[in-house]
Amino acid sequence: MSTLRDFSAIRSPADDILPVATRRAASGPATPPGPPALLEFLDHHRGWLQDQLTTRGAALLRGFGLATPAQFEEAARAVEPDLKNEYLGTSPRDALTPYTFSASELPSYYPIPQHCELTFIKDPPRRLMFACLEAARRGGETPLVDMRRVAADLDPAVRGRFERGGIRIIRNYGGPSGAGRFDLWQLKRWDQIFQTTDRATVEAKCAEQGVFTDLRWGPGDRLRLISEHEALRPHPETGVPVWFNHSQVFHLSAAPGELRRIYARTGELRSLALWRFAQAAVAAKRRFTASDEQALHCTHRDGREIADSDLEAVRDTIWRHMIAEPWQAGDMMVIDNYSVSHGRLPYHGPRQVAVAWA
């Protein structure tokens, strides 16, 4: 072997485990860092990686020196050859290569709550891969949470209300004309999501998904999409229940709920100010805008509002199981999207994290 590899684990306070494989230089000739070293690792330890994805839902590959988007795509293909590049999500992203993208172009102060990728489409990705090409000076972790443990640990009364009530996601998008009111909760236009300005193509793509109960064009080039989903989903390989929905992301209470916890974690005045601002903004949105007119929101399937206290219980459970390991440049993370969620903590300084999926 041309390199030595240390296998270790990072643990959450609730004893969740993130397996880590760390490349160390060998005493003799060694494969240089980058895709060759990672390809060699996968060639010898593919069984180890698959075992970790099955049992723990994720693995961190450290010290392999990925430095460019092209190197990351090569490494991602070594893990999952059939990469995809259609993205129907809400987060703004830039293409870095044909099959790798910036993880998010949202501002550095903006927290991204925990979520399994694209739970609201017909066929969510099976695998996610992240690579850190430049680590932030402070913060910017991509925390992970085992959503199987969240489903098991959630208060039974809260879980029961979500199981009976389901999730109804409301999205109101502006269009290519740029007309319509400004809304901080609208992150992309419908033409950016669907990569077309043709309404018939949008309607065909939505019909193909089979999850939308309402698609409505409105004045000012607007589009309303309403979809319905179960709150939990059995893992396709094991049948274990997984908290697999975007309620903790899309509900109006998400921003203040996340920012309050981030302030408690970091003590930064920036997070305190943003938390208070988000509280006031959400109060105003609730007072002056009906649920179905919100840029982004969710209710139960019958239109009843989801209680803020239930979402707080979900967030408490998620944060209890969170692992937030600081990135090191060159890191790569592989995730079973059907069991483990990801997010993003605010950060300071330049940061480049790329994503690929299959």
Protein backbone atom coordinates (compact mmCIF):
# COMPACT_ATOMS: atom_id res chain seq x y z
CA MET A 1 0.00 0.00 0.00
CA SER A 2 1.36 3.44 -0.85
CA THR A 3 -0.42 5.26 1.95
CA LEU A 4 -1.52 4.51 5.48
CA ARG A 5 -5.13 5.13 6.43
CA ASP A 6 -6.49 5.83 9.90
CA PHE A 7 -10.11 4.94 10.59
CA SER A 8 -11.80 6.90 13.36
CA ALA A 9 -15.17 8.37 14.31
CA ILE A 10 -16.69 11.72 15.32
CA ARG A 11 -19.52 11.52 17.84
CA SER A 12 -22.44 13.79 18.67
CA PRO A 13 -23.57 14.38 22.29
CA ALA A 14 -26.34 11.85 21.57
CA ASP A 15 -23.70 9.31 20.46
CA ASP A 16 -24.39 9.59 16.73
CA ILE A 17 -21.31 8.56 14.76
CA LEU A 18 -19.65 9.96 11.63
CA PRO A 19 -16.98 7.51 10.38
CA VAL A 20 -13.74 9.12 9.16
CA ALA A 21 -11.02 7.73 6.92
CA THR A 22 -7.87 9.87 7.06
CA ARG A 23 -5.05 9.56 4.56
CA ARG A 24 -1.58 9.61 6.07
CA ALA A 25 1.71 9.69 4.18
CA ALA A 26 3.51 6.37 4.14
CA SER A 27 7.16 5.93 4.94
CA GLY A 28 7.95 4.79 1.41
CA PRO A 29 6.79 6.06 -2.01
CA ALA A 30 3.24 7.34 -1.76
CA THR A 31 0.50 8.14 -4.19
CA PRO A 32 0.22 11.96 -4.29
CA PRO A 33 -2.96 13.50 -2.87
CA GLY A 34 -5.86 14.06 -5.23
CA PRO A 35 -8.06 11.72 -7.29
CA PRO A 36 -5.37 9.00 -7.69
CA ALA A 37 -5.05 8.65 -3.91
CA LEU A 38 -8.81 8.62 -3.46
CA LEU A 39 -9.32 6.15 -6.32
CA GLU A 40 -6.75 3.90 -4.71
CA PHE A 41 -8.53 4.19 -1.38
CA LEU A 42 -11.88 3.29 -2.92
CA ASP A 43 -10.34 0.38 -4.77
CA HIS A 44 -9.15 -1.13 -1.49
CA HIS A 45 -11.93 0.02 0.85
CA ARG A 46 -15.15 0.18 -1.17
CA GLY A 47 -16.67 -2.41 1.15
CA TRP A 48 -15.81 -0.26 4.18
CA LEU A 49 -17.49 2.78 2.59
CA GLN A 50 -20.63 0.84 1.71
CA ASP A 51 -20.83 -0.58 5.23
CA GLN A 52 -20.61 2.91 6.73
CA LEU A 53 -23.29 4.27 4.41
CA THR A 54 -25.59 1.40 5.37
CA THR A 55 -25.05 1.58 9.12
CA ARG A 56 -24.12 5.25 9.78
CA GLY A 57 -25.47 6.92 6.66
CA ALA A 58 -22.35 8.96 5.87
CA ALA A 59 -18.55 8.93 5.82
CA LEU A 60 -15.88 11.63 5.79
CA LEU A 61 -12.81 11.07 3.60
CA ARG A 62 -10.02 13.34 4.86
CA GLY A 63 -6.54 14.15 3.63
CA PHE A 64 -7.03 13.14 -0.01
CA GLY A 65 -6.35 16.66 -1.25
CA LEU A 66 -9.18 17.35 -3.67
CA ALA A 67 -8.45 20.87 -4.93
CA THR A 68 -10.60 21.57 -8.03
CA PRO A 69 -14.17 20.92 -9.19
CA ALA A 70 -12.84 18.64 -11.95
CA GLN A 71 -10.97 16.52 -9.40
CA PHE A 72 -14.10 16.34 -7.28
CA GLU A 73 -16.20 15.17 -10.23
CA GLU A 74 -13.68 12.42 -10.96
CA ALA A 75 -13.75 11.32 -7.32
CA ALA A 76 -17.56 11.51 -7.16
CA ARG A 77 -17.82 9.30 -10.26
CA ALA A 78 -15.58 6.78 -8.57
CA VAL A 79 -18.16 6.56 -5.78
CA GLU A 80 -21.28 6.78 -7.97
CA PRO A 81 -20.72 6.60 -11.75
CA ASP A 82 -24.25 7.72 -12.67
CA LEU A 83 -24.14 11.36 -11.56
CA LYS A 84 -27.16 13.60 -12.19
CA ASN A 85 -27.33 17.32 -12.93
CA GLU A 86 -31.02 18.27 -12.94
CA TYR A 87 -31.84 20.26 -9.81
CA LEU A 88 -35.43 21.21 -8.93
CA GLY A 89 -34.53 22.64 -5.53
CA THR A 90 -34.89 26.10 -4.06
CA SER A 91 -31.28 26.93 -3.18
CA PRO A 92 -29.33 29.00 -5.76
CA ARG A 93 -26.33 27.07 -7.13
CA ASP A 94 -23.65 27.66 -9.75
CA ALA A 95 -22.42 24.93 -12.09
CA LEU A 96 -18.69 24.24 -11.59
CA THR A 97 -18.41 21.32 -14.05
CA PRO A 98 -21.17 19.51 -15.95
CA TYR A 99 -21.94 17.41 -12.84
CA THR A 100 -20.66 19.41 -9.85
CA PHE A 101 -22.17 22.56 -8.39
CA SER A 102 -21.58 25.06 -5.63
CA ALA A 103 -23.43 23.72 -2.59
CA SER A 104 -25.31 27.02 -2.22
CA GLU A 105 -24.92 30.64 -3.29
CA LEU A 106 -26.93 31.94 -0.33
CA PRO A 107 -25.16 34.66 1.70
CA SER A 108 -22.67 33.52 4.35
CA TYR A 109 -24.89 34.67 7.24
CA TYR A 110 -27.85 32.59 6.00
CA PRO A 111 -28.31 29.26 7.84
CA ILE A 112 -29.58 26.27 5.88
CA PRO A 113 -31.65 23.98 8.11
CA GLN A 114 -31.19 20.22 8.10
CA HIS A 115 -32.84 18.40 5.21
CA CYS A 116 -32.50 15.31 3.10
CA GLU A 117 -32.03 16.50 -0.47
CA LEU A 118 -35.13 17.07 -2.60
CA THR A 119 -37.60 15.20 -0.41
CA PHE A 120 -40.41 16.94 -2.32
CA ILE A 121 -39.77 15.37 -5.75
CA LYS A 122 -40.73 11.93 -7.03
CA ASP A 123 -37.21 10.45 -7.07
CA PRO A 124 -34.82 12.17 -4.65
CA PRO A 125 -31.09 11.51 -5.04
CA ARG A 126 -29.80 8.32 -3.46
CA ARG A 127 -26.30 9.64 -2.80
CA LEU A 128 -24.88 13.08 -2.08
CA MET A 129 -21.20 13.96 -2.18
CA PHE A 130 -19.64 17.16 -0.89
CA ALA A 131 -16.07 18.40 -1.28
CA CYS A 132 -14.42 21.28 0.54
CA LEU A 133 -12.20 23.14 -1.91
CA GLU A 134 -11.69 26.10 0.43
CA ALA A 135 -12.54 26.06 4.15
CA ALA A 136 -14.05 29.14 5.79
CA ARG A 137 -12.01 31.05 8.35
CA ARG A 138 -14.70 30.32 10.94
CA GLY A 139 -17.96 28.36 10.79
CA GLY A 140 -19.41 27.07 7.53
CA GLU A 141 -19.78 23.48 8.70
CA THR A 142 -22.05 21.14 6.75
CA PRO A 143 -23.69 19.44 9.76
CA LEU A 144 -25.16 15.97 9.41
CA VAL A 145 -28.09 14.34 11.20
CA ASP A 146 -29.25 10.73 11.08
CA MET A 147 -32.94 11.18 10.33
CA ARG A 148 -33.65 7.58 11.29
CA ARG A 149 -32.73 8.51 14.84
CA VAL A 150 -34.80 11.70 14.64
CA ALA A 151 -37.85 9.66 13.61
CA ALA A 152 -37.26 7.24 16.49
CA ASP A 153 -36.49 9.93 19.09
CA LEU A 154 -39.22 12.44 18.24
CA ASP A 155 -41.98 12.88 20.82
CA PRO A 156 -44.62 10.24 19.89
CA ALA A 157 -47.48 12.76 20.09
CA VAL A 158 -45.68 15.16 17.72
CA ARG A 159 -44.73 12.36 15.36
CA GLY A 160 -48.32 11.11 15.36
CA ARG A 161 -49.68 14.51 14.36
CA PHE A 162 -47.27 14.64 11.41
CA GLU A 163 -48.05 11.07 10.40
CA ARG A 164 -51.80 11.73 10.43
CA GLY A 165 -51.67 15.25 9.00
CA GLY A 166 -48.95 14.90 6.37
CA ILE A 167 -47.16 17.87 4.78
CA ARG A 168 -48.50 20.36 2.25
CA ILE A 169 -45.78 22.55 0.69
CA ILE A 170 -46.69 25.97 -0.72
CA ARG A 171 -44.35 27.74 -3.14
CA ASN A 172 -45.08 31.01 -4.94
CA TYR A 173 -42.49 31.97 -7.53
CA GLY A 174 -41.84 35.09 -9.54
CA GLY A 175 -41.01 34.63 -13.21
CA PRO A 176 -38.56 35.75 -15.88
CA SER A 177 -40.14 39.16 -16.25
CA GLY A 178 -39.05 40.06 -12.72
CA ALA A 179 -42.49 41.48 -11.97
CA GLY A 180 -44.18 40.97 -8.63
CA ARG A 181 -43.40 41.88 -5.05
CA PHE A 182 -40.01 41.48 -3.42
CA ASP A 183 -39.85 38.71 -0.81
CA LEU A 184 -36.78 37.60 1.16
CA TRP A 185 -38.21 34.07 1.28
CA GLN A 186 -38.20 33.73 -2.52
CA LEU A 187 -34.74 32.46 -3.40
CA LYS A 188 -35.21 31.66 -7.11
CA ARG A 189 -37.62 32.37 -9.99
CA TRP A 190 -39.56 29.55 -11.64
CA ASP A 191 -37.54 29.86 -14.86
CA GLN A 192 -34.34 29.38 -12.84
CA ILE A 193 -35.69 26.26 -11.18
CA PHE A 194 -37.05 24.62 -14.32
CA GLN A 195 -34.36 26.00 -16.68
CA THR A 196 -36.96 27.20 -19.18
CA THR A 197 -39.29 30.12 -19.84
CA ASP A 198 -41.81 27.89 -21.59
CA ARG A 199 -44.88 27.36 -19.41
CA ALA A 200 -45.89 24.15 -21.17
CA THR A 201 -42.50 22.63 -20.36
CA VAL A 202 -42.90 23.64 -16.71
CA GLU A 203 -46.35 22.04 -16.58
CA ALA A 204 -45.02 18.85 -18.19
CA LYS A 205 -42.14 18.61 -15.69
CA CYS A 206 -44.55 19.12 -12.79
CA ALA A 207 -46.93 16.46 -14.13
CA GLU A 208 -43.99 14.06 -14.42
CA GLN A 209 -43.25 14.51 -10.71
CA GLY A 210 -46.74 13.40 -9.70
CA VAL A 211 -46.69 15.22 -6.33
CA PHE A 212 -48.40 18.51 -7.17
CA THR A 213 -52.04 19.01 -6.27
CA ASP A 214 -52.15 22.59 -7.58
CA LEU A 215 -50.26 24.41 -10.32
CA ARG A 216 -51.55 27.89 -10.97
CA TRP A 217 -50.27 30.77 -13.07
CA GLY A 218 -50.95 34.18 -11.58
CA PRO A 219 -50.59 37.86 -12.38
CA GLY A 220 -47.13 39.34 -12.58
CA ASP A 221 -45.73 36.20 -14.21
CA ARG A 222 -46.14 34.26 -10.97
CA LEU A 223 -46.42 30.51 -10.46
CA ARG A 224 -47.97 28.76 -7.46
CA LEU A 225 -47.03 25.14 -6.75
CA ILE A 226 -48.64 23.10 -3.99
CA SER A 227 -47.52 19.55 -3.29
CA GLU A 228 -48.42 16.95 -0.68
CA HIS A 229 -46.09 14.53 1.08
CA GLU A 230 -45.80 12.08 3.94
CA ALA A 231 -43.73 13.22 6.92
CA LEU A 232 -41.87 9.91 7.25
CA ARG A 233 -40.62 7.50 4.64
CA PRO A 234 -39.33 3.95 5.08
CA HIS A 235 -35.72 3.54 4.02
CA PRO A 236 -35.86 1.75 0.65
CA GLU A 237 -33.29 -0.86 1.67
CA THR A 238 -34.04 -1.50 5.36
CA GLY A 239 -37.62 -0.27 5.84
CA VAL A 240 -36.55 1.79 8.90
CA PRO A 241 -38.70 4.96 9.27
CA VAL A 242 -36.88 8.18 8.30
CA TRP A 243 -37.91 11.79 8.97
CA PHE A 244 -38.01 12.68 5.27
CA ASN A 245 -39.66 16.02 4.56
CA HIS A 246 -38.89 19.73 4.31
CA SER A 247 -41.23 21.09 7.01
CA GLN A 248 -38.32 22.23 9.20
CA VAL A 249 -36.94 24.12 6.18
CA PHE A 250 -40.00 25.61 4.48
CA HIS A 251 -42.21 26.49 7.46
CA LEU A 252 -42.32 30.21 8.28
CA SER A 253 -40.87 29.50 11.71
CA ALA A 254 -37.70 27.97 10.22
CA ALA A 255 -35.49 31.07 10.02
CA PRO A 256 -36.04 32.39 13.57
CA GLY A 257 -35.94 28.83 14.94
CA GLU A 258 -32.55 28.14 13.35
CA LEU A 259 -31.05 31.53 14.13
CA ARG A 260 -31.98 31.28 17.81
CA ARG A 261 -30.11 28.00 18.08
CA ILE A 262 -27.14 29.33 16.14
CA TYR A 263 -26.93 32.31 18.47
CA ALA A 264 -27.01 29.96 21.46
CA ARG A 265 -24.21 27.93 19.84
CA THR A 266 -21.92 30.79 18.79
CA GLY A 267 -22.91 33.83 20.87
CA GLU A 268 -22.31 36.03 17.82
CA LEU A 269 -24.10 39.37 17.76
CA ARG A 270 -24.72 38.92 14.03
CA SER A 271 -26.85 35.85 14.73
CA LEU A 272 -28.68 37.63 17.54
CA ALA A 273 -29.56 40.55 15.24
CA LEU A 274 -30.67 38.22 12.43
CA TRP A 275 -32.76 36.15 14.84
CA ARG A 276 -34.63 39.23 16.06
CA PHE A 277 -35.07 40.51 12.52
CA ALA A 278 -36.41 37.13 11.37
CA GLN A 279 -38.87 37.06 14.27
CA ALA A 280 -40.26 40.47 13.29
CA ALA A 281 -40.35 39.62 9.57
CA VAL A 282 -42.21 36.36 10.16
CA ALA A 283 -44.73 38.08 12.44
CA ALA A 284 -45.41 40.63 9.68
CA LYS A 285 -45.73 37.97 6.99
CA ARG A 286 -48.23 36.04 9.08
CA ARG A 287 -50.28 39.12 9.77
CA PHE A 288 -50.45 40.48 6.22
CA THR A 289 -50.10 37.45 3.90
CA ALA A 290 -52.31 34.36 3.77
CA SER A 291 -50.62 30.96 3.96
CA ASP A 292 -51.26 30.08 0.32
CA GLU A 293 -49.76 33.42 -0.77
CA GLN A 294 -46.47 32.96 1.07
CA ALA A 295 -43.36 32.60 -1.05
CA LEU A 296 -42.46 29.49 0.93
CA HIS A 297 -44.43 27.78 3.66
CA CYS A 298 -46.01 24.47 4.62
CA THR A 299 -49.14 23.28 6.41
CA HIS A 300 -50.73 19.92 7.10
CA ARG A 301 -52.33 18.25 4.10
CA ASP A 302 -55.82 19.63 4.88
CA GLY A 303 -54.53 23.22 5.10
CA ARG A 304 -54.34 23.39 8.92
CA GLU A 305 -51.33 25.25 10.19
CA ILE A 306 -48.56 23.14 11.69
CA ALA A 307 -48.11 24.23 15.30
CA ASP A 308 -44.89 26.15 15.93
CA SER A 309 -44.43 24.02 19.05
CA ASP A 310 -44.42 20.86 16.93
CA LEU A 311 -41.74 22.31 14.65
CA GLU A 312 -39.75 23.34 17.73
CA ALA A 313 -39.90 19.75 18.95
CA VAL A 314 -38.61 18.60 15.56
CA ARG A 315 -35.75 21.12 15.64
CA ASP A 316 -34.83 20.18 19.21
CA THR A 317 -34.58 16.54 18.17
CA ILE A 318 -32.58 17.37 15.05
CA TRP A 319 -30.09 19.56 16.91
CA ARG A 320 -29.66 16.91 19.60
CA HIS A 321 -28.42 14.46 16.97
CA MET A 322 -26.33 16.91 14.93
CA ILE A 323 -22.67 16.37 14.08
CA ALA A 324 -20.97 19.60 12.94
CA GLU A 325 -17.36 18.85 12.04
CA PRO A 326 -15.32 21.81 10.69
CA TRP A 327 -14.25 21.37 7.09
CA GLN A 328 -10.62 20.96 6.10
CA ALA A 329 -9.62 21.85 2.54
CA GLY A 330 -9.54 18.68 0.43
CA ASP A 331 -12.20 16.84 2.46
CA MET A 332 -14.88 14.78 0.75
CA MET A 333 -18.09 13.59 2.38
CA VAL A 334 -20.37 10.83 1.06
CA ILE A 335 -23.97 10.67 2.31
CA ASP A 336 -26.86 8.23 2.03
CA ASN A 337 -29.54 10.83 1.27
CA TYR A 338 -32.30 8.40 2.26
CA SER A 339 -31.13 8.34 5.88
CA VAL A 340 -28.88 11.33 6.68
CA SER A 341 -29.63 15.02 6.26
CA HIS A 342 -27.30 17.96 5.80
CA GLY A 343 -27.40 21.73 6.30
CA ARG A 344 -25.06 24.71 6.53
CA LEU A 345 -23.98 26.89 9.44
CA PRO A 346 -23.13 30.58 8.88
CA TYR A 347 -19.50 31.39 8.25
CA HIS A 348 -16.82 34.09 7.97
CA GLY A 349 -14.29 34.42 5.17
CA PRO A 350 -14.13 32.79 1.73
CA ARG A 351 -15.57 29.29 1.44
CA GLN A 352 -16.05 26.90 -1.47
CA VAL A 353 -17.94 23.66 -0.96
CA ALA A 354 -19.07 21.70 -3.99
CA VAL A 355 -21.81 19.10 -4.31
CA ALA A 356 -22.63 16.21 -6.65
CA TRP A 357 -25.45 13.70 -6.51
CA ALA A 358 -26.62 10.43 -7.97
